[in-house]
Amino acid sequence: MADDCIFCKIAEKAIPSTIVYEDELVVAFKDNNPQAPVHILLIPKKHISTVITLTHDDKELVGHMFLVAASLAREQQIAQDGFRLVTNCNQDGGQTVFHLHMHLLGGRSLTWPPG
């Protein structure tokens, strides 16, 4: 856990959040500023700053994150119509919290390009 990381604090339950899924590897919670009717953030409990800092040891964790995202999409009833998974990397990529995370967005038609 990184002491100054808000997502690490959410994973440790030091900061309240609306958690919709948790297991030994990941936590998923509702975004405080949703950009779609369904907007869930999925984070690893292990602090990983960015996609760039992933290692080969993280392959199973990242695969697990995608499987959990798919399960959440089904649970939130957005799998059939479609959804978007977004992971931003570094400042110019739109990353504002430097803890690896995935946005699960759905519940409406999503436009392209996003921004």
PDB file of N, CA and C in Angstrom:
ATOM      1  N   MET A   1       0.836  -1.182   0.000  1.00  0.00           N
ATOM      2  CA  MET A   1       0.000   0.000   0.000  1.00  0.00           C
ATOM      3  C   MET A   1       0.881   1.246   0.000  1.00  0.00           C
ATOM      4  N   ALA A   2       0.539   2.182  -0.856  1.00  0.00           N
ATOM      5  CA  ALA A   2       1.223   3.467  -0.868  1.00  0.00           C
ATOM      6  C   ALA A   2       0.492   4.408   0.090  1.00  0.00           C
ATOM      7  N   ASP A   3       1.219   5.026   1.001  1.00  0.00           N
ATOM      8  CA  ASP A   3       0.609   5.837   2.051  1.00  0.00           C
ATOM      9  C   ASP A   3      -0.241   6.995   1.531  1.00  0.00           C
ATOM     10  N   ASP A   4       0.149   7.578   0.402  1.00  0.00           N
ATOM     11  CA  ASP A   4      -0.556   8.750  -0.098  1.00  0.00           C
ATOM     12  C   ASP A   4      -1.527   8.430  -1.233  1.00  0.00           C
ATOM     13  N   CYS A   5      -1.819   7.162  -1.467  1.00  0.00           N
ATOM     14  CA  CYS A   5      -2.666   6.746  -2.587  1.00  0.00           C
ATOM     15  C   CYS A   5      -4.120   6.585  -2.143  1.00  0.00           C
ATOM     16  N   ILE A   6      -5.015   7.372  -2.735  1.00  0.00           N
ATOM     17  CA  ILE A   6      -6.429   7.316  -2.373  1.00  0.00           C
ATOM     18  C   ILE A   6      -7.033   5.944  -2.662  1.00  0.00           C
ATOM     19  N   PHE A   7      -6.617   5.289  -3.759  1.00  0.00           N
ATOM     20  CA  PHE A   7      -7.177   3.980  -4.084  1.00  0.00           C
ATOM     21  C   PHE A   7      -6.684   2.913  -3.114  1.00  0.00           C
ATOM     22  N   CYS A   8      -5.441   3.007  -2.666  1.00  0.00           N
ATOM     23  CA  CYS A   8      -4.964   2.079  -1.636  1.00  0.00           C
ATOM     24  C   CYS A   8      -5.788   2.256  -0.361  1.00  0.00           C
ATOM     25  N   LYS A   9      -6.109   3.498  -0.030  1.00  0.00           N
ATOM     26  CA  LYS A   9      -6.902   3.774   1.166  1.00  0.00           C
ATOM     27  C   LYS A   9      -8.328   3.239   1.019  1.00  0.00           C
ATOM     28  N   ILE A  10      -8.883   3.315  -0.183  1.00  0.00           N
ATOM     29  CA  ILE A  10     -10.212   2.736  -0.423  1.00  0.00           C
ATOM     30  C   ILE A  10     -10.146   1.220  -0.286  1.00  0.00           C
ATOM     31  N   ALA A  11      -9.105   0.602  -0.851  1.00  0.00           N
ATOM     32  CA  ALA A  11      -8.948  -0.852  -0.757  1.00  0.00           C
ATOM     33  C   ALA A  11      -8.801  -1.305   0.692  1.00  0.00           C
ATOM     34  N   GLU A  12      -8.149  -0.482   1.500  1.00  0.00           N
ATOM     35  CA  GLU A  12      -7.961  -0.804   2.922  1.00  0.00           C
ATOM     36  C   GLU A  12      -9.159  -0.390   3.772  1.00  0.00           C
ATOM     37  N   LYS A  13     -10.165   0.235   3.120  1.00  0.00           N
ATOM     38  CA  LYS A  13     -11.380   0.715   3.790  1.00  0.00           C
ATOM     39  C   LYS A  13     -11.105   1.845   4.780  1.00  0.00           C
ATOM     40  N   ALA A  14     -10.008   2.571   4.560  1.00  0.00           N
ATOM     41  CA  ALA A  14      -9.713   3.756   5.360  1.00  0.00           C
ATOM     42  C   ALA A  14     -10.502   4.954   4.858  1.00  0.00           C
ATOM     43  N   ILE A  15     -10.947   4.879   3.601  1.00  0.00           N
ATOM     44  CA  ILE A  15     -11.819   5.898   3.007  1.00  0.00           C
ATOM     45  C   ILE A  15     -13.083   5.176   2.572  1.00  0.00           C
ATOM     46  N   PRO A  16     -14.252   5.675   2.978  1.00  0.00           N
ATOM     47  CA  PRO A  16     -15.499   5.002   2.599  1.00  0.00           C
ATOM     48  C   PRO A  16     -15.755   5.081   1.089  1.00  0.00           C
ATOM     49  N   SER A  17     -16.356   4.031   0.585  1.00  0.00           N
ATOM     50  CA  SER A  17     -16.716   3.958  -0.821  1.00  0.00           C
ATOM     51  C   SER A  17     -17.838   2.944  -0.976  1.00  0.00           C
ATOM     52  N   THR A  18     -18.564   3.049  -2.076  1.00  0.00           N
ATOM     53  CA  THR A  18     -19.625   2.081  -2.339  1.00  0.00           C
ATOM     54  C   THR A  18     -19.020   0.904  -3.095  1.00  0.00           C
ATOM     55  N   ILE A  19     -18.594  -0.098  -2.350  1.00  0.00           N
ATOM     56  CA  ILE A  19     -17.939  -1.271  -2.931  1.00  0.00           C
ATOM     57  C   ILE A  19     -19.003  -2.203  -3.484  1.00  0.00           C
ATOM     58  N   VAL A  20     -18.805  -2.608  -4.749  1.00  0.00           N
ATOM     59  CA  VAL A  20     -19.753  -3.517  -5.396  1.00  0.00           C
ATOM     60  C   VAL A  20     -19.165  -4.915  -5.579  1.00  0.00           C
ATOM     61  N   TYR A  21     -17.843  -5.050  -5.393  1.00  0.00           N
ATOM     62  CA  TYR A  21     -17.198  -6.361  -5.502  1.00  0.00           C
ATOM     63  C   TYR A  21     -15.854  -6.290  -4.780  1.00  0.00           C
ATOM     64  N   GLU A  22     -15.495  -7.400  -4.142  1.00  0.00           N
ATOM     65  CA  GLU A  22     -14.178  -7.502  -3.525  1.00  0.00           C
ATOM     66  C   GLU A  22     -13.792  -8.964  -3.410  1.00  0.00           C
ATOM     67  N   ASP A  23     -12.527  -9.232  -3.693  1.00  0.00           N
ATOM     68  CA  ASP A  23     -11.950 -10.540  -3.419  1.00  0.00           C
ATOM     69  C   ASP A  23     -10.525 -10.321  -2.926  1.00  0.00           C
ATOM     70  N   GLU A  24      -9.723 -11.356  -2.893  1.00  0.00           N
ATOM     71  CA  GLU A  24      -8.372 -11.231  -2.339  1.00  0.00           C
ATOM     72  C   GLU A  24      -7.440 -10.383  -3.207  1.00  0.00           C
ATOM     73  N   LEU A  25      -7.795 -10.171  -4.486  1.00  0.00           N
ATOM     74  CA  LEU A  25      -6.919  -9.456  -5.410  1.00  0.00           C
ATOM     75  C   LEU A  25      -7.393  -8.071  -5.809  1.00  0.00           C
ATOM     76  N   VAL A  26      -8.704  -7.866  -5.880  1.00  0.00           N
ATOM     77  CA  VAL A  26      -9.235  -6.622  -6.432  1.00  0.00           C
ATOM     78  C   VAL A  26     -10.409  -6.077  -5.611  1.00  0.00           C
ATOM     79  N   VAL A  27     -10.679  -4.799  -5.829  1.00  0.00           N
ATOM     80  CA  VAL A  27     -11.852  -4.128  -5.259  1.00  0.00           C
ATOM     81  C   VAL A  27     -12.502  -3.342  -6.393  1.00  0.00           C
ATOM     82  N   ALA A  28     -13.826  -3.373  -6.450  1.00  0.00           N
ATOM     83  CA  ALA A  28     -14.568  -2.580  -7.424  1.00  0.00           C
ATOM     84  C   ALA A  28     -15.555  -1.711  -6.658  1.00  0.00           C
ATOM     85  N   PHE A  29     -15.631  -0.446  -7.051  1.00  0.00           N
ATOM     86  CA  PHE A  29     -16.510   0.494  -6.355  1.00  0.00           C
ATOM     87  C   PHE A  29     -17.081   1.507  -7.332  1.00  0.00           C
ATOM     88  N   LYS A  30     -18.208   2.110  -6.944  1.00  0.00           N
ATOM     89  CA  LYS A  30     -18.856   3.104  -7.789  1.00  0.00           C
ATOM     90  C   LYS A  30     -18.018   4.375  -7.836  1.00  0.00           C
ATOM     91  N   ASP A  31     -17.911   4.946  -9.044  1.00  0.00           N
ATOM     92  CA  ASP A  31     -17.184   6.198  -9.229  1.00  0.00           C
ATOM     93  C   ASP A  31     -17.972   7.336  -8.577  1.00  0.00           C
ATOM     94  N   ASN A  32     -17.283   8.231  -7.887  1.00  0.00           N
ATOM     95  CA  ASN A  32     -17.937   9.368  -7.235  1.00  0.00           C
ATOM     96  C   ASN A  32     -18.423  10.425  -8.220  1.00  0.00           C
ATOM     97  N   ASN A  33     -17.895  10.405  -9.437  1.00  0.00           N
ATOM     98  CA  ASN A  33     -18.282  11.358 -10.469  1.00  0.00           C
ATOM     99  C   ASN A  33     -18.612  10.572 -11.741  1.00  0.00           C
ATOM    100  N   PRO A  34     -19.733   9.845 -11.732  1.00  0.00           N
ATOM    101  CA  PRO A  34     -20.025   8.923 -12.836  1.00  0.00           C
ATOM    102  C   PRO A  34     -20.209   9.633 -14.181  1.00  0.00           C
ATOM    103  N   GLN A  35     -19.647   9.019 -15.217  1.00  0.00           N
ATOM    104  CA  GLN A  35     -19.740   9.525 -16.575  1.00  0.00           C
ATOM    105  C   GLN A  35     -20.734   8.738 -17.406  1.00  0.00           C
ATOM    106  N   ALA A  36     -21.390   7.777 -16.800  1.00  0.00           N
ATOM    107  CA  ALA A  36     -22.403   6.941 -17.448  1.00  0.00           C
ATOM    108  C   ALA A  36     -23.299   6.394 -16.338  1.00  0.00           C
ATOM    109  N   PRO A  37     -24.492   5.879 -16.696  1.00  0.00           N
ATOM    110  CA  PRO A  37     -25.368   5.310 -15.665  1.00  0.00           C
ATOM    111  C   PRO A  37     -24.675   4.232 -14.815  1.00  0.00           C
ATOM    112  N   VAL A  38     -23.814   3.442 -15.445  1.00  0.00           N
ATOM    113  CA  VAL A  38     -22.968   2.499 -14.711  1.00  0.00           C
ATOM    114  C   VAL A  38     -21.535   2.981 -14.887  1.00  0.00           C
ATOM    115  N   HIS A  39     -20.886   3.310 -13.787  1.00  0.00           N
ATOM    116  CA  HIS A  39     -19.475   3.716 -13.820  1.00  0.00           C
ATOM    117  C   HIS A  39     -18.821   3.161 -12.568  1.00  0.00           C
ATOM    118  N   ILE A  40     -18.112   2.063 -12.760  1.00  0.00           N
ATOM    119  CA  ILE A  40     -17.453   1.344 -11.670  1.00  0.00           C
ATOM    120  C   ILE A  40     -15.956   1.388 -11.897  1.00  0.00           C
ATOM    121  N   LEU A  41     -15.209   1.612 -10.837  1.00  0.00           N
ATOM    122  CA  LEU A  41     -13.757   1.553 -10.885  1.00  0.00           C
ATOM    123  C   LEU A  41     -13.310   0.215 -10.316  1.00  0.00           C
ATOM    124  N   LEU A  42     -12.416  -0.440 -11.012  1.00  0.00           N
ATOM    125  CA  LEU A  42     -11.880  -1.731 -10.596  1.00  0.00           C
ATOM    126  C   LEU A  42     -10.386  -1.565 -10.387  1.00  0.00           C
ATOM    127  N   ILE A  43      -9.920  -1.845  -9.173  1.00  0.00           N
ATOM    128  CA  ILE A  43      -8.515  -1.649  -8.833  1.00  0.00           C
ATOM    129  C   ILE A  43      -7.910  -2.919  -8.246  1.00  0.00           C
ATOM    130  N   PRO A  44      -6.615  -3.131  -8.481  1.00  0.00           N
ATOM    131  CA  PRO A  44      -5.947  -4.214  -7.753  1.00  0.00           C
ATOM    132  C   PRO A  44      -5.655  -3.746  -6.329  1.00  0.00           C
ATOM    133  N   LYS A  45      -5.664  -4.657  -5.393  1.00  0.00           N
ATOM    134  CA  LYS A  45      -5.283  -4.311  -4.024  1.00  0.00           C
ATOM    135  C   LYS A  45      -3.788  -4.003  -3.949  1.00  0.00           C
ATOM    136  N   LYS A  46      -3.022  -4.631  -4.795  1.00  0.00           N
ATOM    137  CA  LYS A  46      -1.589  -4.363  -4.889  1.00  0.00           C
ATOM    138  C   LYS A  46      -1.403  -2.997  -5.541  1.00  0.00           C
ATOM    139  N   HIS A  47      -0.579  -2.153  -4.965  1.00  0.00           N
ATOM    140  CA  HIS A  47      -0.331  -0.843  -5.566  1.00  0.00           C
ATOM    141  C   HIS A  47       0.574  -1.010  -6.788  1.00  0.00           C
ATOM    142  N   ILE A  48       0.023  -0.660  -7.934  1.00  0.00           N
ATOM    143  CA  ILE A  48       0.749  -0.608  -9.202  1.00  0.00           C
ATOM    144  C   ILE A  48       0.435   0.776  -9.756  1.00  0.00           C
ATOM    145  N   SER A  49       1.438   1.586  -9.995  1.00  0.00           N
ATOM    146  CA  SER A  49       1.204   2.977 -10.377  1.00  0.00           C
ATOM    147  C   SER A  49       0.539   3.141 -11.736  1.00  0.00           C
ATOM    148  N   THR A  50       1.053   2.477 -12.753  1.00  0.00           N
ATOM    149  CA  THR A  50       0.548   2.646 -14.120  1.00  0.00           C
ATOM    150  C   THR A  50       0.666   1.337 -14.888  1.00  0.00           C
ATOM    151  N   VAL A  51       0.109   1.310 -16.072  1.00  0.00           N
ATOM    152  CA  VAL A  51       0.267   0.160 -16.965  1.00  0.00           C
ATOM    153  C   VAL A  51       1.754  -0.075 -17.249  1.00  0.00           C
ATOM    154  N   ILE A  52       2.507   1.006 -17.352  1.00  0.00           N
ATOM    155  CA  ILE A  52       3.934   0.910 -17.668  1.00  0.00           C
ATOM    156  C   ILE A  52       4.711   0.177 -16.584  1.00  0.00           C
ATOM    157  N   THR A  53       4.251   0.231 -15.352  1.00  0.00           N
ATOM    158  CA  THR A  53       4.989  -0.406 -14.254  1.00  0.00           C
ATOM    159  C   THR A  53       4.570  -1.860 -14.014  1.00  0.00           C
ATOM    160  N   LEU A  54       3.648  -2.379 -14.840  1.00  0.00           N
ATOM    161  CA  LEU A  54       3.285  -3.795 -14.739  1.00  0.00           C
ATOM    162  C   LEU A  54       4.502  -4.668 -15.033  1.00  0.00           C
ATOM    163  N   THR A  55       4.560  -5.830 -14.390  1.00  0.00           N
ATOM    164  CA  THR A  55       5.628  -6.796 -14.653  1.00  0.00           C
ATOM    165  C   THR A  55       4.999  -8.120 -15.086  1.00  0.00           C
ATOM    166  N   HIS A  56       5.831  -9.037 -15.507  1.00  0.00           N
ATOM    167  CA  HIS A  56       5.331 -10.362 -15.894  1.00  0.00           C
ATOM    168  C   HIS A  56       4.628 -11.049 -14.721  1.00  0.00           C
ATOM    169  N   ASP A  57       5.022 -10.714 -13.517  1.00  0.00           N
ATOM    170  CA  ASP A  57       4.381 -11.294 -12.330  1.00  0.00           C
ATOM    171  C   ASP A  57       2.927 -10.844 -12.173  1.00  0.00           C
ATOM    172  N   ASP A  58       2.539  -9.777 -12.876  1.00  0.00           N
ATOM    173  CA  ASP A  58       1.181  -9.236 -12.762  1.00  0.00           C
ATOM    174  C   ASP A  58       0.215  -9.787 -13.805  1.00  0.00           C
ATOM    175  N   LYS A  59       0.666 -10.719 -14.657  1.00  0.00           N
ATOM    176  CA  LYS A  59      -0.188 -11.233 -15.738  1.00  0.00           C
ATOM    177  C   LYS A  59      -1.494 -11.826 -15.216  1.00  0.00           C
ATOM    178  N   GLU A  60      -1.432 -12.646 -14.200  1.00  0.00           N
ATOM    179  CA  GLU A  60      -2.650 -13.266 -13.668  1.00  0.00           C
ATOM    180  C   GLU A  60      -3.569 -12.227 -13.047  1.00  0.00           C
ATOM    181  N   LEU A  61      -3.010 -11.252 -12.367  1.00  0.00           N
ATOM    182  CA  LEU A  61      -3.796 -10.188 -11.749  1.00  0.00           C
ATOM    183  C   LEU A  61      -4.559  -9.399 -12.812  1.00  0.00           C
ATOM    184  N   VAL A  62      -3.890  -9.013 -13.880  1.00  0.00           N
ATOM    185  CA  VAL A  62      -4.538  -8.238 -14.942  1.00  0.00           C
ATOM    186  C   VAL A  62      -5.615  -9.077 -15.636  1.00  0.00           C
ATOM    187  N   GLY A  63      -5.338 -10.330 -15.887  1.00  0.00           N
ATOM    188  CA  GLY A  63      -6.354 -11.216 -16.454  1.00  0.00           C
ATOM    189  C   GLY A  63      -7.548 -11.342 -15.529  1.00  0.00           C
ATOM    190  N   HIS A  64      -7.292 -11.442 -14.247  1.00  0.00           N
ATOM    191  CA  HIS A  64      -8.368 -11.524 -13.249  1.00  0.00           C
ATOM    192  C   HIS A  64      -9.216 -10.248 -13.276  1.00  0.00           C
ATOM    193  N   MET A  65      -8.575  -9.103 -13.428  1.00  0.00           N
ATOM    194  CA  MET A  65      -9.320  -7.845 -13.489  1.00  0.00           C
ATOM    195  C   MET A  65     -10.305  -7.858 -14.659  1.00  0.00           C
ATOM    196  N   PHE A  66      -9.894  -8.357 -15.817  1.00  0.00           N
ATOM    197  CA  PHE A  66     -10.788  -8.424 -16.970  1.00  0.00           C
ATOM    198  C   PHE A  66     -11.944  -9.397 -16.724  1.00  0.00           C
ATOM    199  N   LEU A  67     -11.667 -10.525 -16.097  1.00  0.00           N
ATOM    200  CA  LEU A  67     -12.734 -11.478 -15.794  1.00  0.00           C
ATOM    201  C   LEU A  67     -13.738 -10.892 -14.801  1.00  0.00           C
ATOM    202  N   VAL A  68     -13.250 -10.164 -13.796  1.00  0.00           N
ATOM    203  CA  VAL A  68     -14.145  -9.514 -12.839  1.00  0.00           C
ATOM    204  C   VAL A  68     -14.958  -8.434 -13.542  1.00  0.00           C
ATOM    205  N   ALA A  69     -14.333  -7.672 -14.431  1.00  0.00           N
ATOM    206  CA  ALA A  69     -15.062  -6.636 -15.175  1.00  0.00           C
ATOM    207  C   ALA A  69     -16.193  -7.256 -15.994  1.00  0.00           C
ATOM    208  N   ALA A  70     -15.938  -8.370 -16.644  1.00  0.00           N
ATOM    209  CA  ALA A  70     -16.977  -9.049 -17.427  1.00  0.00           C
ATOM    210  C   ALA A  70     -18.116  -9.514 -16.527  1.00  0.00           C
ATOM    211  N   SER A  71     -17.775 -10.054 -15.373  1.00  0.00           N
ATOM    212  CA  SER A  71     -18.790 -10.506 -14.423  1.00  0.00           C
ATOM    213  C   SER A  71     -19.630  -9.328 -13.921  1.00  0.00           C
ATOM    214  N   LEU A  72     -18.978  -8.214 -13.619  1.00  0.00           N
ATOM    215  CA  LEU A  72     -19.696  -7.025 -13.172  1.00  0.00           C
ATOM    216  C   LEU A  72     -20.605  -6.476 -14.276  1.00  0.00           C
ATOM    217  N   ALA A  73     -20.146  -6.519 -15.520  1.00  0.00           N
ATOM    218  CA  ALA A  73     -20.977  -6.059 -16.639  1.00  0.00           C
ATOM    219  C   ALA A  73     -22.247  -6.903 -16.741  1.00  0.00           C
ATOM    220  N   ARG A  74     -22.109  -8.209 -16.557  1.00  0.00           N
ATOM    221  CA  ARG A  74     -23.298  -9.074 -16.561  1.00  0.00           C
ATOM    222  C   ARG A  74     -24.206  -8.742 -15.378  1.00  0.00           C
ATOM    223  N   GLU A  75     -23.603  -8.592 -14.202  1.00  0.00           N
ATOM    224  CA  GLU A  75     -24.364  -8.293 -12.982  1.00  0.00           C
ATOM    225  C   GLU A  75     -25.102  -6.957 -13.092  1.00  0.00           C
ATOM    226  N   GLN A  76     -24.472  -5.980 -13.714  1.00  0.00           N
ATOM    227  CA  GLN A  76     -25.070  -4.650 -13.877  1.00  0.00           C
ATOM    228  C   GLN A  76     -26.011  -4.580 -15.087  1.00  0.00           C
ATOM    229  N   GLN A  77     -26.163  -5.694 -15.775  1.00  0.00           N
ATOM    230  CA  GLN A  77     -27.057  -5.832 -16.921  1.00  0.00           C
ATOM    231  C   GLN A  77     -26.698  -4.889 -18.073  1.00  0.00           C
ATOM    232  N   ILE A  78     -25.373  -4.731 -18.310  1.00  0.00           N
ATOM    233  CA  ILE A  78     -24.909  -3.936 -19.444  1.00  0.00           C
ATOM    234  C   ILE A  78     -24.127  -4.781 -20.446  1.00  0.00           C
ATOM    235  N   ALA A  79     -23.957  -6.053 -20.151  1.00  0.00           N
ATOM    236  CA  ALA A  79     -23.157  -6.917 -21.024  1.00  0.00           C
ATOM    237  C   ALA A  79     -23.798  -7.089 -22.394  1.00  0.00           C
ATOM    238  N   GLN A  80     -25.081  -7.289 -22.433  1.00  0.00           N
ATOM    239  CA  GLN A  80     -25.784  -7.557 -23.695  1.00  0.00           C
ATOM    240  C   GLN A  80     -25.714  -6.362 -24.642  1.00  0.00           C
ATOM    241  N   ASP A  81     -26.013  -5.168 -24.143  1.00  0.00           N
ATOM    242  CA  ASP A  81     -26.036  -3.974 -24.995  1.00  0.00           C
ATOM    243  C   ASP A  81     -24.641  -3.428 -25.267  1.00  0.00           C
ATOM    244  N   GLY A  82     -23.713  -3.650 -24.353  1.00  0.00           N
ATOM    245  CA  GLY A  82     -22.334  -3.211 -24.553  1.00  0.00           C
ATOM    246  C   GLY A  82     -21.860  -2.272 -23.463  1.00  0.00           C
ATOM    247  N   PHE A  83     -20.556  -2.213 -23.336  1.00  0.00           N
ATOM    248  CA  PHE A  83     -19.927  -1.402 -22.299  1.00  0.00           C
ATOM    249  C   PHE A  83     -18.517  -1.066 -22.747  1.00  0.00           C
ATOM    250  N   ARG A  84     -17.871  -0.221 -21.993  1.00  0.00           N
ATOM    251  CA  ARG A  84     -16.502   0.181 -22.303  1.00  0.00           C
ATOM    252  C   ARG A  84     -15.634  -0.052 -21.074  1.00  0.00           C
ATOM    253  N   LEU A  85     -14.425  -0.543 -21.305  1.00  0.00           N
ATOM    254  CA  LEU A  85     -13.399  -0.648 -20.276  1.00  0.00           C
ATOM    255  C   LEU A  85     -12.293   0.334 -20.648  1.00  0.00           C
ATOM    256  N   VAL A  86     -11.934   1.211 -19.723  1.00  0.00           N
ATOM    257  CA  VAL A  86     -10.928   2.239 -19.998  1.00  0.00           C
ATOM    258  C   VAL A  86      -9.851   2.177 -18.930  1.00  0.00           C
ATOM    259  N   THR A  87      -8.603   2.177 -19.387  1.00  0.00           N
ATOM    260  CA  THR A  87      -7.464   2.308 -18.495  1.00  0.00           C
ATOM    261  C   THR A  87      -6.572   3.403 -19.062  1.00  0.00           C
ATOM    262  N   ASN A  88      -6.445   4.489 -18.333  1.00  0.00           N
ATOM    263  CA  ASN A  88      -5.603   5.600 -18.764  1.00  0.00           C
ATOM    264  C   ASN A  88      -4.198   5.406 -18.217  1.00  0.00           C
ATOM    265  N   CYS A  89      -3.204   5.924 -18.953  1.00  0.00           N
ATOM    266  CA  CYS A  89      -1.825   5.783 -18.509  1.00  0.00           C
ATOM    267  C   CYS A  89      -1.093   7.115 -18.589  1.00  0.00           C
ATOM    268  N   ASN A  90      -0.660   7.568 -17.441  1.00  0.00           N
ATOM    269  CA  ASN A  90       0.111   8.798 -17.267  1.00  0.00           C
ATOM    270  C   ASN A  90      -0.714  10.039 -17.598  1.00  0.00           C
ATOM    271  N   GLN A  91      -0.135  11.201 -17.339  1.00  0.00           N
ATOM    272  CA  GLN A  91      -0.875  12.460 -17.379  1.00  0.00           C
ATOM    273  C   GLN A  91      -1.516  12.741 -18.732  1.00  0.00           C
ATOM    274  N   ASP A  92      -0.776  12.647 -19.826  1.00  0.00           N
ATOM    275  CA  ASP A  92      -1.350  12.948 -21.136  1.00  0.00           C
ATOM    276  C   ASP A  92      -2.375  11.901 -21.567  1.00  0.00           C
ATOM    277  N   GLY A  93      -2.345  10.741 -20.961  1.00  0.00           N
ATOM    278  CA  GLY A  93      -3.338   9.710 -21.236  1.00  0.00           C
ATOM    279  C   GLY A  93      -4.592   9.869 -20.402  1.00  0.00           C
ATOM    280  N   GLY A  94      -4.611  10.848 -19.516  1.00  0.00           N
ATOM    281  CA  GLY A  94      -5.792  11.125 -18.710  1.00  0.00           C
ATOM    282  C   GLY A  94      -5.779  10.501 -17.327  1.00  0.00           C
ATOM    283  N   GLN A  95      -4.672   9.886 -16.922  1.00  0.00           N
ATOM    284  CA  GLN A  95      -4.614   9.271 -15.600  1.00  0.00           C
ATOM    285  C   GLN A  95      -4.460  10.352 -14.539  1.00  0.00           C
ATOM    286  N   THR A  96      -5.363  10.363 -13.574  1.00  0.00           N
ATOM    287  CA  THR A  96      -5.304  11.355 -12.494  1.00  0.00           C
ATOM    288  C   THR A  96      -4.985  10.720 -11.141  1.00  0.00           C
ATOM    289  N   VAL A  97      -5.266   9.437 -10.989  1.00  0.00           N
ATOM    290  CA  VAL A  97      -4.884   8.710  -9.781  1.00  0.00           C
ATOM    291  C   VAL A  97      -3.862   7.661 -10.207  1.00  0.00           C
ATOM    292  N   PHE A  98      -2.669   7.736  -9.622  1.00  0.00           N
ATOM    293  CA  PHE A  98      -1.584   6.866 -10.056  1.00  0.00           C
ATOM    294  C   PHE A  98      -1.565   5.562  -9.265  1.00  0.00           C
ATOM    295  N   HIS A  99      -2.644   4.827  -9.485  1.00  0.00           N
ATOM    296  CA  HIS A  99      -2.844   3.456  -9.020  1.00  0.00           C
ATOM    297  C   HIS A  99      -3.612   2.808 -10.162  1.00  0.00           C
ATOM    298  N   LEU A 100      -3.066   1.758 -10.732  1.00  0.00           N
ATOM    299  CA  LEU A 100      -3.707   1.103 -11.868  1.00  0.00           C
ATOM    300  C   LEU A 100      -5.190   0.907 -11.593  1.00  0.00           C
ATOM    301  N   HIS A 101      -6.026   1.296 -12.559  1.00  0.00           N
ATOM    302  CA  HIS A 101      -7.460   1.088 -12.405  1.00  0.00           C
ATOM    303  C   HIS A 101      -8.127   1.016 -13.762  1.00  0.00           C
ATOM    304  N   MET A 102      -9.280   0.402 -13.752  1.00  0.00           N
ATOM    305  CA  MET A 102     -10.080   0.192 -14.950  1.00  0.00           C
ATOM    306  C   MET A 102     -11.451   0.804 -14.700  1.00  0.00           C
ATOM    307  N   HIS A 103     -11.907   1.611 -15.650  1.00  0.00           N
ATOM    308  CA  HIS A 103     -13.263   2.157 -15.599  1.00  0.00           C
ATOM    309  C   HIS A 103     -14.177   1.211 -16.371  1.00  0.00           C
ATOM    310  N   LEU A 104     -15.247   0.781 -15.758  1.00  0.00           N
ATOM    311  CA  LEU A 104     -16.304   0.017 -16.427  1.00  0.00           C
ATOM    312  C   LEU A 104     -17.463   0.986 -16.619  1.00  0.00           C
ATOM    313  N   LEU A 105     -17.770   1.294 -17.887  1.00  0.00           N
ATOM    314  CA  LEU A 105     -18.792   2.282 -18.225  1.00  0.00           C
ATOM    315  C   LEU A 105     -19.855   1.650 -19.091  1.00  0.00           C
ATOM    316  N   GLY A 106     -21.115   1.943 -18.802  1.00  0.00           N
ATOM    317  CA  GLY A 106     -22.205   1.422 -19.616  1.00  0.00           C
ATOM    318  C   GLY A 106     -23.544   1.963 -19.164  1.00  0.00           C
ATOM    319  N   GLY A 107     -24.583   1.434 -19.780  1.00  0.00           N
ATOM    320  CA  GLY A 107     -25.922   1.857 -19.440  1.00  0.00           C
ATOM    321  C   GLY A 107     -26.477   2.908 -20.373  1.00  0.00           C
ATOM    322  N   ARG A 108     -25.697   3.305 -21.369  1.00  0.00           N
ATOM    323  CA  ARG A 108     -26.131   4.228 -22.421  1.00  0.00           C
ATOM    324  C   ARG A 108     -25.229   4.003 -23.630  1.00  0.00           C
ATOM    325  N   SER A 109     -25.614   4.572 -24.743  1.00  0.00           N
ATOM    326  CA  SER A 109     -24.783   4.485 -25.948  1.00  0.00           C
ATOM    327  C   SER A 109     -23.556   5.374 -25.741  1.00  0.00           C
ATOM    328  N   LEU A 110     -22.380   4.805 -25.904  1.00  0.00           N
ATOM    329  CA  LEU A 110     -21.123   5.528 -25.708  1.00  0.00           C
ATOM    330  C   LEU A 110     -20.583   5.958 -27.076  1.00  0.00           C
ATOM    331  N   THR A 111     -20.201   7.211 -27.190  1.00  0.00           N
ATOM    332  CA  THR A 111     -19.744   7.737 -28.467  1.00  0.00           C
ATOM    333  C   THR A 111     -18.248   7.508 -28.667  1.00  0.00           C
ATOM    334  N   TRP A 112     -17.818   7.658 -29.919  1.00  0.00           N
ATOM    335  CA  TRP A 112     -16.392   7.544 -30.252  1.00  0.00           C
ATOM    336  C   TRP A 112     -16.038   8.615 -31.246  1.00  0.00           C
ATOM    337  N   PRO A 113     -14.936   9.302 -31.165  1.00  0.00           N
ATOM    338  CA  PRO A 113     -13.907   9.128 -30.140  1.00  0.00           C
ATOM    339  C   PRO A 113     -14.321   9.743 -28.816  1.00  0.00           C
ATOM    340  N   PRO A 114     -13.762   9.208 -27.731  1.00  0.00           N
ATOM    341  CA  PRO A 114     -14.186   9.662 -26.408  1.00  0.00           C
ATOM    342  C   PRO A 114     -13.638  11.029 -26.022  1.00  0.00           C
ATOM    343  N   GLY A 115     -12.537  11.483 -26.617  1.00  0.00           N
ATOM    344  CA  GLY A 115     -12.017  12.780 -26.195  1.00  0.00           C
ATOM    345  C   GLY A 115     -10.685  13.092 -26.773  1.00  0.00           C
TER     346      GLY A 115
END
